[in-house]
Amino acid sequence: MSGLIAAGSIVLGPTGGGSSGPTTLPEYLASIGKATWYGGFKAPNNLFSDISNTVAVTTDGASWRNWLPSWTAGGFSASFGQSTGSRRCALGTSRNGKPGAYGDGVDWYATLSSTTELNRQYTILMSAWVTCAVGQPCLYSQNGNSVRYSCPASISGMPVFYGASGQLGVRANHVSQGTPVDASTFANRMGWSTHEGSTQHYNTAPNLFRSSAATAYSASTIHELWFVEKLTPEEITEALKFLA
């Protein structure tokens, strides 16, 4: 009987011949045919304190001036930058131990360096530590409510998506995977898309940590964010698994 397997036996071990699935977001996007264009940012990668991008920010609390993408495809090259003033976003670590780009909720913010890179239908994926407060602080905004993610009027509720001017995110593809920490704080992974057919966000640059109207700043921490080709809600759910 040596070398033989009795009928009805259960065999454990490698089956051979199989290939592993994607292990990174670019690999996942390629597997669904949506990797021709993207730009990805992850803290503390590529955070620089000077305009020439030669001094990297590595210490919590240190302010940064430019956030360059860590992953790009399809010619994406835009970065997030801010003014040369002393009041600038910082590198910080939220209570869950993850590093991120931090806004103080008063007047720190960053703006994408291009007003045309997002002249397309796109999905933004984000992992963040979201702090809500009175005044509906905004974590991401492009041309007002055209694409916006902000806290609700009541700080006891989950943050709110907008997908077109004046329209709540129910009109956009969106997924929110939130873990409440307390009454006003959420550890979130979220993905949402521009509204089908809308071009209201075209020729504008999005802001991090404030609304486009320069009000409602957010004291939140962004761990990672991506701009990718427009995804379905099911694809967003899968893509979020690869974020920090």
Foldseek 3Di string as FASTA:
>chain_A
DPPDDDPPDDDDDDPDDDDDQDQALLSLCVVVPWNQWKFKFFPPPQFAADPVSPHRADDFPDFGAWTWTPDTHNPDTKIWGDDPDPQEWTWHADPVGFIFTWDAQPQYKIKIPFQAPPQAKWKKKFWKKFFADAPFAWFKEFLFLQWTWTQDNDLQDDIWTGAHVPHTQVQWAKDWDWDDPDRRITGIIMMIIHGPPDRSRHRTIMMGQHYPVSDRGTRMGTRMMMITHDDHNVSSVVSSVNGD
